Amino acid sequence: MLDIKCLKCAKTFQDYPSNNRKFCSKKCKANDQVIDKTLSCNNCNKTFTFQRNNRSYNRRKYCSSGCLKEALRIIKTGCVVWNKGIKYDAISGDKHWNWKGGNRRGKRGSEQRRFRIAVLKRDNYSCVKCNATDKKLIADHIKPYAYYPELREVIDNGRTLCVDCNYESTYIKKEWSIT
């Protein structure tokens, strides 16, 4: 074994000559490899220095985390898709390969809200089958909505059902089937 002098802290240590060690510990070796590097920030162009070691080799591009966040925000919001807002008349509407004839369900907005409120009010906010008032209530169409478009807003075609009775009449008894 030989006595070797550490290149960083000048402490002497013993080691075999075949190991070719120059530092007494990993900490001294890491401290010797630290280099001060001067760079300019990619966001604000301010120059900054940092200690570069093996792990952060050429990774710093911003002077602070605030500059990094601002650069990422600009990147995310600043990119505009090239075809955003452009309407292609050649393949829109009935010219599109997947066109099915437009919206078959009709308007489901205010007319349906008025229908629901009128049916619930007529039935005193209770299920017509089990008289439940504490469950979620549904304004159900007696004749199906899809097959009878002329009866969609007719209040006499509606009834108030709770969730359980609606499930039973729709999926178990299948009262909606067209005869």
N, C-alpha and C. Protein backbone atom coordinates (compact mmCIF):
# COMPACT_ATOMS: atom_id res chain seq x y z
N MET A 1 0.84 -1.19 0.00
CA MET A 1 0.00 0.00 0.00
C MET A 1 0.88 1.25 0.00
N LEU A 2 0.35 2.26 -0.67
CA LEU A 2 1.09 3.51 -0.78
C LEU A 2 0.35 4.62 -0.06
N ASP A 3 1.08 5.61 0.41
CA ASP A 3 0.48 6.83 0.95
C ASP A 3 0.25 7.79 -0.21
N ILE A 4 -1.00 8.20 -0.39
CA ILE A 4 -1.37 9.08 -1.51
C ILE A 4 -1.95 10.36 -0.92
N LYS A 5 -1.64 11.48 -1.54
CA LYS A 5 -2.13 12.77 -1.10
C LYS A 5 -3.34 13.17 -1.95
N CYS A 6 -4.45 13.52 -1.26
CA CYS A 6 -5.69 13.91 -1.95
C CYS A 6 -5.46 15.21 -2.70
N LEU A 7 -5.94 15.27 -3.94
CA LEU A 7 -5.74 16.46 -4.76
C LEU A 7 -6.63 17.63 -4.33
N LYS A 8 -7.73 17.35 -3.63
CA LYS A 8 -8.65 18.41 -3.23
C LYS A 8 -8.34 18.94 -1.84
N CYS A 9 -8.27 18.04 -0.83
CA CYS A 9 -8.12 18.51 0.55
C CYS A 9 -6.71 18.31 1.11
N ALA A 10 -5.83 17.70 0.36
CA ALA A 10 -4.43 17.48 0.72
C ALA A 10 -4.27 16.54 1.91
N LYS A 11 -5.26 15.75 2.20
CA LYS A 11 -5.16 14.75 3.26
C LYS A 11 -4.48 13.51 2.68
N THR A 12 -3.68 12.81 3.47
CA THR A 12 -3.03 11.60 2.99
C THR A 12 -3.88 10.38 3.34
N PHE A 13 -3.94 9.44 2.43
CA PHE A 13 -4.68 8.20 2.64
C PHE A 13 -3.89 7.07 1.99
N GLN A 14 -4.22 5.85 2.39
CA GLN A 14 -3.52 4.68 1.87
C GLN A 14 -4.41 3.93 0.90
N ASP A 15 -3.77 3.48 -0.21
CA ASP A 15 -4.50 2.71 -1.20
C ASP A 15 -3.49 1.94 -2.04
N TYR A 16 -3.98 0.95 -2.76
CA TYR A 16 -3.12 0.18 -3.65
C TYR A 16 -2.81 1.00 -4.89
N PRO A 17 -1.63 0.87 -5.44
CA PRO A 17 -1.27 1.66 -6.61
C PRO A 17 -2.08 1.30 -7.86
N SER A 18 -2.62 0.09 -7.90
CA SER A 18 -3.37 -0.32 -9.09
C SER A 18 -4.74 0.37 -9.18
N ASN A 19 -5.23 0.93 -8.07
CA ASN A 19 -6.53 1.60 -8.08
C ASN A 19 -6.50 2.99 -8.72
N ASN A 20 -5.35 3.60 -8.76
CA ASN A 20 -5.17 4.93 -9.37
C ASN A 20 -6.10 5.99 -8.78
N ARG A 21 -6.34 5.94 -7.48
CA ARG A 21 -7.18 6.93 -6.83
C ARG A 21 -6.41 8.22 -6.62
N LYS A 22 -7.09 9.35 -6.81
CA LYS A 22 -6.48 10.66 -6.63
C LYS A 22 -7.15 11.44 -5.52
N PHE A 23 -8.34 10.99 -5.07
CA PHE A 23 -9.09 11.69 -4.04
C PHE A 23 -9.35 10.74 -2.88
N CYS A 24 -9.47 11.30 -1.68
CA CYS A 24 -9.65 10.47 -0.49
C CYS A 24 -11.08 9.97 -0.34
N SER A 25 -12.06 10.65 -0.92
CA SER A 25 -13.45 10.23 -0.79
C SER A 25 -14.24 10.67 -2.01
N LYS A 26 -15.49 10.18 -2.10
CA LYS A 26 -16.37 10.58 -3.20
C LYS A 26 -16.75 12.05 -3.10
N LYS A 27 -16.85 12.55 -1.86
CA LYS A 27 -17.20 13.95 -1.66
C LYS A 27 -16.12 14.87 -2.22
N CYS A 28 -14.85 14.53 -1.97
CA CYS A 28 -13.75 15.34 -2.50
C CYS A 28 -13.71 15.28 -4.02
N LYS A 29 -13.99 14.11 -4.58
CA LYS A 29 -14.00 13.99 -6.04
C LYS A 29 -15.12 14.83 -6.65
N ALA A 30 -16.32 14.80 -6.04
CA ALA A 30 -17.45 15.59 -6.54
C ALA A 30 -17.17 17.08 -6.41
N ASN A 31 -16.59 17.50 -5.31
CA ASN A 31 -16.28 18.92 -5.11
C ASN A 31 -15.23 19.41 -6.10
N ASP A 32 -14.32 18.53 -6.52
CA ASP A 32 -13.30 18.92 -7.47
C ASP A 32 -13.89 19.09 -8.87
N GLN A 33 -14.95 18.39 -9.17
CA GLN A 33 -15.53 18.46 -10.50
C GLN A 33 -16.50 19.61 -10.69
N VAL A 34 -16.84 20.32 -9.62
CA VAL A 34 -17.76 21.45 -9.72
C VAL A 34 -17.08 22.60 -10.45
N ILE A 35 -17.77 23.12 -11.45
CA ILE A 35 -17.24 24.21 -12.26
C ILE A 35 -18.29 25.31 -12.29
N ASP A 36 -17.90 26.54 -12.07
CA ASP A 36 -18.82 27.65 -12.22
C ASP A 36 -18.97 27.95 -13.70
N LYS A 37 -20.23 27.98 -14.16
CA LYS A 37 -20.49 28.22 -15.57
C LYS A 37 -21.41 29.42 -15.71
N THR A 38 -21.15 30.29 -16.66
CA THR A 38 -21.96 31.47 -16.90
C THR A 38 -22.78 31.24 -18.16
N LEU A 39 -24.09 31.42 -18.01
CA LEU A 39 -25.02 31.23 -19.12
C LEU A 39 -25.97 32.42 -19.19
N SER A 40 -26.73 32.51 -20.28
CA SER A 40 -27.77 33.53 -20.37
C SER A 40 -29.12 32.81 -20.37
N CYS A 41 -30.09 33.41 -19.67
CA CYS A 41 -31.42 32.83 -19.52
C CYS A 41 -32.15 32.86 -20.87
N ASN A 42 -32.81 31.77 -21.22
CA ASN A 42 -33.54 31.70 -22.48
C ASN A 42 -34.80 32.55 -22.46
N ASN A 43 -35.28 32.92 -21.28
CA ASN A 43 -36.52 33.69 -21.18
C ASN A 43 -36.25 35.19 -21.10
N CYS A 44 -35.39 35.60 -20.15
CA CYS A 44 -35.18 37.04 -19.92
C CYS A 44 -33.81 37.54 -20.38
N ASN A 45 -32.97 36.66 -20.92
CA ASN A 45 -31.62 37.00 -21.42
C ASN A 45 -30.69 37.56 -20.36
N LYS A 46 -31.00 37.35 -19.08
CA LYS A 46 -30.12 37.78 -18.00
C LYS A 46 -29.03 36.73 -17.82
N THR A 47 -27.80 37.17 -17.59
CA THR A 47 -26.71 36.21 -17.38
C THR A 47 -26.72 35.73 -15.94
N PHE A 48 -26.42 34.46 -15.75
CA PHE A 48 -26.38 33.88 -14.41
C PHE A 48 -25.29 32.82 -14.37
N THR A 49 -24.78 32.57 -13.18
CA THR A 49 -23.76 31.54 -13.00
C THR A 49 -24.33 30.43 -12.11
N PHE A 50 -23.90 29.24 -12.35
CA PHE A 50 -24.29 28.13 -11.50
C PHE A 50 -23.15 27.13 -11.48
N GLN A 51 -23.15 26.29 -10.46
CA GLN A 51 -22.12 25.28 -10.34
C GLN A 51 -22.55 24.05 -11.12
N ARG A 52 -21.79 23.74 -12.13
CA ARG A 52 -22.10 22.60 -12.96
C ARG A 52 -21.30 21.40 -12.47
N ASN A 53 -21.97 20.30 -12.24
CA ASN A 53 -21.28 19.06 -11.94
C ASN A 53 -21.75 18.00 -12.92
N ASN A 54 -21.42 16.77 -12.70
CA ASN A 54 -21.74 15.71 -13.66
C ASN A 54 -23.24 15.58 -13.90
N ARG A 55 -24.05 15.75 -12.86
CA ARG A 55 -25.48 15.49 -12.97
C ARG A 55 -26.23 16.58 -13.75
N SER A 56 -25.82 17.80 -13.59
CA SER A 56 -26.57 18.88 -14.25
C SER A 56 -25.78 19.44 -15.43
N TYR A 57 -25.13 18.59 -16.17
CA TYR A 57 -24.33 19.03 -17.30
C TYR A 57 -25.22 19.63 -18.38
N ASN A 58 -25.06 20.91 -18.62
CA ASN A 58 -25.76 21.65 -19.68
C ASN A 58 -27.28 21.54 -19.64
N ARG A 59 -27.86 21.39 -18.46
CA ARG A 59 -29.31 21.30 -18.38
C ARG A 59 -29.95 22.64 -18.03
N ARG A 60 -29.26 23.53 -17.37
CA ARG A 60 -29.84 24.80 -16.96
C ARG A 60 -30.00 25.70 -18.16
N LYS A 61 -31.21 26.18 -18.37
CA LYS A 61 -31.46 27.11 -19.47
C LYS A 61 -32.16 28.38 -18.98
N TYR A 62 -32.60 28.38 -17.72
CA TYR A 62 -33.33 29.51 -17.16
C TYR A 62 -32.68 29.92 -15.85
N CYS A 63 -32.73 31.20 -15.53
CA CYS A 63 -32.06 31.72 -14.35
C CYS A 63 -32.79 31.37 -13.06
N SER A 64 -34.09 31.14 -13.12
CA SER A 64 -34.84 30.82 -11.91
C SER A 64 -36.05 29.97 -12.28
N SER A 65 -36.71 29.44 -11.26
CA SER A 65 -37.91 28.63 -11.52
C SER A 65 -39.04 29.51 -12.03
N GLY A 66 -39.05 30.79 -11.65
CA GLY A 66 -40.07 31.71 -12.16
C GLY A 66 -39.94 31.91 -13.67
N CYS A 67 -38.71 32.05 -14.15
CA CYS A 67 -38.49 32.19 -15.59
C CYS A 67 -38.89 30.92 -16.32
N LEU A 68 -38.60 29.77 -15.73
CA LEU A 68 -38.98 28.50 -16.34
C LEU A 68 -40.50 28.38 -16.46
N LYS A 69 -41.23 28.72 -15.38
CA LYS A 69 -42.69 28.65 -15.41
C LYS A 69 -43.28 29.60 -16.45
N GLU A 70 -42.73 30.80 -16.53
CA GLU A 70 -43.23 31.76 -17.51
C GLU A 70 -42.97 31.29 -18.93
N ALA A 71 -41.80 30.69 -19.17
CA ALA A 71 -41.49 30.18 -20.51
C ALA A 71 -42.42 29.03 -20.87
N LEU A 72 -42.72 28.16 -19.92
CA LEU A 72 -43.64 27.05 -20.19
C LEU A 72 -45.05 27.56 -20.45
N ARG A 73 -45.48 28.61 -19.73
CA ARG A 73 -46.80 29.19 -19.95
C ARG A 73 -46.89 29.78 -21.35
N ILE A 74 -45.85 30.46 -21.78
CA ILE A 74 -45.83 31.05 -23.12
C ILE A 74 -45.86 29.96 -24.18
N ILE A 75 -45.13 28.88 -23.93
CA ILE A 75 -45.09 27.78 -24.90
C ILE A 75 -46.46 27.14 -25.02
N LYS A 76 -47.14 26.91 -23.87
CA LYS A 76 -48.43 26.23 -23.89
C LYS A 76 -49.52 27.09 -24.52
N THR A 77 -49.56 28.37 -24.18
CA THR A 77 -50.65 29.21 -24.66
C THR A 77 -50.35 29.88 -25.99
N GLY A 78 -49.09 29.98 -26.34
CA GLY A 78 -48.71 30.70 -27.55
C GLY A 78 -48.83 29.89 -28.82
N CYS A 79 -48.91 28.58 -28.70
CA CYS A 79 -48.98 27.73 -29.88
C CYS A 79 -50.42 27.68 -30.39
N VAL A 80 -50.62 28.09 -31.60
CA VAL A 80 -51.94 28.05 -32.21
C VAL A 80 -51.92 26.97 -33.29
N VAL A 81 -52.91 26.10 -33.26
CA VAL A 81 -53.00 25.05 -34.25
C VAL A 81 -53.30 25.67 -35.60
N TRP A 82 -52.66 25.18 -36.63
CA TRP A 82 -52.75 25.82 -37.94
C TRP A 82 -54.15 25.75 -38.53
N ASN A 83 -54.95 24.73 -38.19
CA ASN A 83 -56.26 24.59 -38.81
C ASN A 83 -57.41 24.95 -37.87
N LYS A 84 -57.12 25.65 -36.78
CA LYS A 84 -58.17 26.00 -35.84
C LYS A 84 -59.07 27.08 -36.44
N GLY A 85 -60.37 26.82 -36.41
CA GLY A 85 -61.35 27.78 -36.89
C GLY A 85 -61.61 27.73 -38.38
N ILE A 86 -60.88 26.89 -39.10
CA ILE A 86 -61.09 26.80 -40.55
C ILE A 86 -62.18 25.77 -40.82
N LYS A 87 -63.20 26.15 -41.57
CA LYS A 87 -64.28 25.24 -41.91
C LYS A 87 -64.04 24.71 -43.32
N TYR A 88 -64.12 23.41 -43.45
CA TYR A 88 -63.91 22.78 -44.74
C TYR A 88 -65.27 22.48 -45.37
N ASP A 89 -65.69 23.31 -46.31
CA ASP A 89 -66.99 23.14 -46.95
C ASP A 89 -67.05 21.88 -47.81
N ALA A 90 -65.90 21.43 -48.27
CA ALA A 90 -65.88 20.26 -49.15
C ALA A 90 -66.26 18.98 -48.40
N ILE A 91 -66.05 18.95 -47.08
CA ILE A 91 -66.35 17.72 -46.33
C ILE A 91 -67.23 17.98 -45.12
N SER A 92 -67.99 19.07 -45.12
CA SER A 92 -68.84 19.35 -43.97
C SER A 92 -70.30 19.13 -44.32
N GLY A 93 -71.09 18.82 -43.31
CA GLY A 93 -72.52 18.62 -43.49
C GLY A 93 -72.83 17.34 -44.25
N ASP A 94 -73.72 17.43 -45.23
CA ASP A 94 -74.14 16.25 -45.96
C ASP A 94 -73.06 15.73 -46.91
N LYS A 95 -71.97 16.46 -47.11
CA LYS A 95 -70.88 15.99 -47.96
C LYS A 95 -69.89 15.11 -47.20
N HIS A 96 -70.02 15.07 -45.88
CA HIS A 96 -69.10 14.26 -45.07
C HIS A 96 -69.45 12.79 -45.20
N TRP A 97 -68.45 11.92 -45.16
CA TRP A 97 -68.66 10.49 -45.36
C TRP A 97 -69.48 9.85 -44.24
N ASN A 98 -69.53 10.47 -43.06
CA ASN A 98 -70.24 9.89 -41.93
C ASN A 98 -71.55 10.62 -41.63
N TRP A 99 -72.09 11.34 -42.57
CA TRP A 99 -73.31 12.12 -42.38
C TRP A 99 -74.50 11.19 -42.20
N LYS A 100 -75.30 11.47 -41.18
CA LYS A 100 -76.46 10.62 -40.91
C LYS A 100 -77.77 11.40 -40.99
N GLY A 101 -77.77 12.53 -41.62
CA GLY A 101 -79.01 13.25 -41.83
C GLY A 101 -79.30 14.30 -40.78
N GLY A 102 -78.35 14.72 -40.04
CA GLY A 102 -78.55 15.78 -39.06
C GLY A 102 -79.00 15.27 -37.71
N ASN A 103 -79.41 16.19 -36.86
CA ASN A 103 -79.81 15.87 -35.50
C ASN A 103 -81.24 15.33 -35.52
N ARG A 104 -81.41 14.06 -35.22
CA ARG A 104 -82.72 13.44 -35.24
C ARG A 104 -83.47 13.63 -33.93
N ARG A 105 -82.77 14.00 -32.88
CA ARG A 105 -83.41 14.10 -31.57
C ARG A 105 -84.14 15.42 -31.40
N GLY A 106 -83.88 16.39 -32.21
CA GLY A 106 -84.56 17.67 -32.09
C GLY A 106 -83.96 18.53 -30.99
N LYS A 107 -84.69 19.55 -30.60
CA LYS A 107 -84.21 20.46 -29.56
C LYS A 107 -84.48 19.84 -28.21
N ARG A 108 -83.43 19.77 -27.37
CA ARG A 108 -83.59 19.17 -26.05
C ARG A 108 -83.44 20.22 -24.96
N GLY A 109 -83.57 21.45 -25.28
CA GLY A 109 -83.32 22.51 -24.33
C GLY A 109 -84.52 22.94 -23.54
N SER A 110 -84.97 24.14 -23.80
CA SER A 110 -86.02 24.75 -22.99
C SER A 110 -87.36 24.05 -23.14
N GLU A 111 -87.67 23.50 -24.33
CA GLU A 111 -88.94 22.79 -24.51
C GLU A 111 -89.01 21.57 -23.59
N GLN A 112 -87.92 20.82 -23.51
CA GLN A 112 -87.90 19.64 -22.65
C GLN A 112 -87.95 20.02 -21.17
N ARG A 113 -87.33 21.13 -20.80
CA ARG A 113 -87.39 21.60 -19.41
C ARG A 113 -88.83 21.96 -19.04
N ARG A 114 -89.51 22.65 -19.95
CA ARG A 114 -90.91 23.01 -19.71
C ARG A 114 -91.78 21.76 -19.60
N PHE A 115 -91.54 20.77 -20.46
CA PHE A 115 -92.28 19.52 -20.42
C PHE A 115 -92.06 18.82 -19.08
N ARG A 116 -90.83 18.74 -18.63
CA ARG A 116 -90.52 18.05 -17.37
C ARG A 116 -91.19 18.74 -16.19
N ILE A 117 -91.09 20.05 -16.11
CA ILE A 117 -91.68 20.79 -14.99
C ILE A 117 -93.20 20.65 -15.00
N ALA A 118 -93.82 20.72 -16.18
CA ALA A 118 -95.28 20.60 -16.27
C ALA A 118 -95.76 19.22 -15.85
N VAL A 119 -95.04 18.17 -16.25
CA VAL A 119 -95.43 16.81 -15.88
C VAL A 119 -95.25 16.59 -14.38
N LEU A 120 -94.15 17.04 -13.83
CA LEU A 120 -93.90 16.88 -12.38
C LEU A 120 -94.95 17.63 -11.56
N LYS A 121 -95.28 18.84 -12.01
CA LYS A 121 -96.28 19.64 -11.30
C LYS A 121 -97.66 19.00 -11.37
N ARG A 122 -98.03 18.45 -12.55
CA ARG A 122 -99.32 17.79 -12.71
C ARG A 122 -99.46 16.57 -11.80
N ASP A 123 -98.36 15.83 -11.61
CA ASP A 123 -98.40 14.62 -10.79
C ASP A 123 -98.01 14.88 -9.33
N ASN A 124 -97.99 16.16 -8.90
CA ASN A 124 -97.69 16.57 -7.52
C ASN A 124 -96.33 16.08 -7.04
N TYR A 125 -95.35 16.05 -7.91
CA TYR A 125 -93.97 15.67 -7.58
C TYR A 125 -93.90 14.33 -6.85
N SER A 126 -94.65 13.35 -7.33
CA SER A 126 -94.60 12.00 -6.76
C SER A 126 -94.73 10.99 -7.88
N CYS A 127 -94.16 9.82 -7.68
CA CYS A 127 -94.18 8.75 -8.67
C CYS A 127 -95.61 8.25 -8.85
N VAL A 128 -96.05 8.03 -10.08
CA VAL A 128 -97.42 7.58 -10.33
C VAL A 128 -97.59 6.10 -10.02
N LYS A 129 -96.51 5.32 -9.91
CA LYS A 129 -96.61 3.89 -9.62
C LYS A 129 -96.49 3.59 -8.13
N CYS A 130 -95.49 4.17 -7.45
CA CYS A 130 -95.26 3.83 -6.04
C CYS A 130 -95.45 5.02 -5.10
N ASN A 131 -95.85 6.17 -5.59
CA ASN A 131 -96.09 7.39 -4.81
C ASN A 131 -94.87 7.87 -4.03
N ALA A 132 -93.66 7.56 -4.49
CA ALA A 132 -92.44 7.99 -3.81
C ALA A 132 -92.17 9.46 -4.12
N THR A 133 -91.78 10.20 -3.08
CA THR A 133 -91.41 11.60 -3.27
C THR A 133 -89.97 11.86 -2.86
N ASP A 134 -89.35 10.91 -2.15
CA ASP A 134 -88.00 11.12 -1.63
C ASP A 134 -86.91 10.67 -2.61
N LYS A 135 -87.26 9.98 -3.69
CA LYS A 135 -86.30 9.53 -4.69
C LYS A 135 -86.22 10.55 -5.83
N LYS A 136 -85.23 10.36 -6.69
CA LYS A 136 -85.10 11.23 -7.86
C LYS A 136 -86.24 10.93 -8.82
N LEU A 137 -86.92 11.97 -9.27
CA LEU A 137 -88.08 11.81 -10.15
C LEU A 137 -87.73 12.14 -11.59
N ILE A 138 -88.34 11.38 -12.51
CA ILE A 138 -88.07 11.52 -13.93
C ILE A 138 -89.39 11.74 -14.66
N ALA A 139 -89.40 12.70 -15.59
CA ALA A 139 -90.57 12.90 -16.44
C ALA A 139 -90.42 11.96 -17.63
N ASP A 140 -91.17 10.86 -17.61
CA ASP A 140 -91.05 9.80 -18.61
C ASP A 140 -92.08 9.99 -19.71
N HIS A 141 -91.68 9.72 -20.95
CA HIS A 141 -92.61 9.74 -22.08
C HIS A 141 -93.30 8.39 -22.15
N ILE A 142 -94.62 8.38 -22.23
CA ILE A 142 -95.37 7.12 -22.33
C ILE A 142 -95.13 6.50 -23.70
N LYS A 143 -95.34 7.27 -24.74
CA LYS A 143 -94.98 6.83 -26.09
C LYS A 143 -93.57 7.35 -26.35
N PRO A 144 -92.68 6.52 -26.90
CA PRO A 144 -91.25 6.86 -26.98
C PRO A 144 -90.96 8.19 -27.68
N TYR A 145 -90.01 8.89 -27.13
CA TYR A 145 -89.56 10.19 -27.62
C TYR A 145 -89.06 10.09 -29.06
N ALA A 146 -88.29 9.03 -29.36
CA ALA A 146 -87.67 8.90 -30.68
C ALA A 146 -88.67 8.56 -31.77
N TYR A 147 -89.70 7.80 -31.45
CA TYR A 147 -90.62 7.31 -32.47
C TYR A 147 -91.84 8.20 -32.68
N TYR A 148 -92.13 9.05 -31.72
CA TYR A 148 -93.29 9.93 -31.83
C TYR A 148 -92.86 11.39 -31.65
N PRO A 149 -92.25 11.98 -32.66
CA PRO A 149 -91.77 13.36 -32.51
C PRO A 149 -92.90 14.37 -32.31
N GLU A 150 -94.11 14.06 -32.78
CA GLU A 150 -95.22 15.00 -32.61
C GLU A 150 -95.73 15.03 -31.18
N LEU A 151 -95.40 14.01 -30.37
CA LEU A 151 -95.86 13.95 -28.98
C LEU A 151 -94.77 14.31 -27.96
N ARG A 152 -93.69 14.88 -28.43
CA ARG A 152 -92.55 15.15 -27.54
C ARG A 152 -92.87 16.17 -26.46
N GLU A 153 -93.62 17.21 -26.76
CA GLU A 153 -93.94 18.24 -25.78
C GLU A 153 -95.38 18.17 -25.29
N VAL A 154 -96.11 17.13 -25.65
CA VAL A 154 -97.49 16.98 -25.20
C VAL A 154 -97.46 16.45 -23.77
N ILE A 155 -98.09 17.20 -22.85
CA ILE A 155 -98.02 16.86 -21.43
C ILE A 155 -98.81 15.58 -21.13
N ASP A 156 -99.85 15.27 -21.90
CA ASP A 156 -100.62 14.05 -21.68
C ASP A 156 -99.81 12.79 -22.03
N ASN A 157 -98.71 12.95 -22.78
CA ASN A 157 -97.83 11.82 -23.11
C ASN A 157 -96.78 11.62 -22.02
N GLY A 158 -96.82 12.34 -20.94
CA GLY A 158 -95.81 12.23 -19.90
C GLY A 158 -96.36 11.68 -18.60
N ARG A 159 -95.47 11.11 -17.80
CA ARG A 159 -95.83 10.64 -16.47
C ARG A 159 -94.59 10.77 -15.59
N THR A 160 -94.81 10.93 -14.29
CA THR A 160 -93.72 11.07 -13.35
C THR A 160 -93.40 9.71 -12.76
N LEU A 161 -92.14 9.28 -12.89
CA LEU A 161 -91.68 8.01 -12.33
C LEU A 161 -90.43 8.25 -11.50
N CYS A 162 -90.27 7.44 -10.44
CA CYS A 162 -89.01 7.48 -9.70
C CYS A 162 -87.98 6.66 -10.48
N VAL A 163 -86.74 6.68 -10.06
CA VAL A 163 -85.67 6.01 -10.78
C VAL A 163 -85.93 4.51 -10.87
N ASP A 164 -86.35 3.90 -9.75
CA ASP A 164 -86.58 2.45 -9.74
C ASP A 164 -87.74 2.05 -10.65
N CYS A 165 -88.85 2.77 -10.59
CA CYS A 165 -90.00 2.45 -11.44
C CYS A 165 -89.69 2.71 -12.91
N ASN A 166 -88.91 3.73 -13.20
CA ASN A 166 -88.51 4.00 -14.58
C ASN A 166 -87.64 2.87 -15.12
N TYR A 167 -86.71 2.37 -14.29
CA TYR A 167 -85.87 1.24 -14.70
C TYR A 167 -86.74 0.00 -14.97
N GLU A 168 -87.68 -0.24 -14.08
CA GLU A 168 -88.55 -1.41 -14.22
C GLU A 168 -89.41 -1.31 -15.48
N SER A 169 -90.00 -0.16 -15.73
CA SER A 169 -90.88 -0.03 -16.90
C SER A 169 -90.09 -0.01 -18.20
N THR A 170 -88.84 0.48 -18.16
CA THR A 170 -88.05 0.59 -19.39
C THR A 170 -87.35 -0.71 -19.73
N TYR A 171 -86.68 -1.33 -18.75
CA TYR A 171 -85.81 -2.46 -19.05
C TYR A 171 -86.40 -3.82 -18.69
N ILE A 172 -87.26 -3.88 -17.71
CA ILE A 172 -87.81 -5.18 -17.30
C ILE A 172 -89.13 -5.47 -18.03
N LYS A 173 -90.10 -4.57 -17.89
CA LYS A 173 -91.41 -4.79 -18.54
C LYS A 173 -91.42 -4.32 -19.99
N LYS A 174 -90.50 -3.44 -20.34
CA LYS A 174 -90.37 -2.89 -21.69
C LYS A 174 -91.69 -2.32 -22.19
N GLU A 175 -92.25 -1.41 -21.41
CA GLU A 175 -93.52 -0.78 -21.75
C GLU A 175 -93.39 0.17 -22.95
N TRP A 176 -92.17 0.51 -23.32
CA TRP A 176 -91.94 1.47 -24.40
C TRP A 176 -92.05 0.83 -25.78
N SER A 177 -92.11 -0.51 -25.87
CA SER A 177 -92.08 -1.16 -27.19
C SER A 177 -93.29 -0.75 -28.02
N ILE A 178 -93.06 -0.56 -29.27
CA ILE A 178 -94.09 -0.07 -30.19
C ILE A 178 -94.98 -1.24 -30.60
N THR A 179 -96.29 -1.02 -30.48
CA THR A 179 -97.23 -2.07 -30.87
C THR A 179 -98.06 -1.65 -32.04
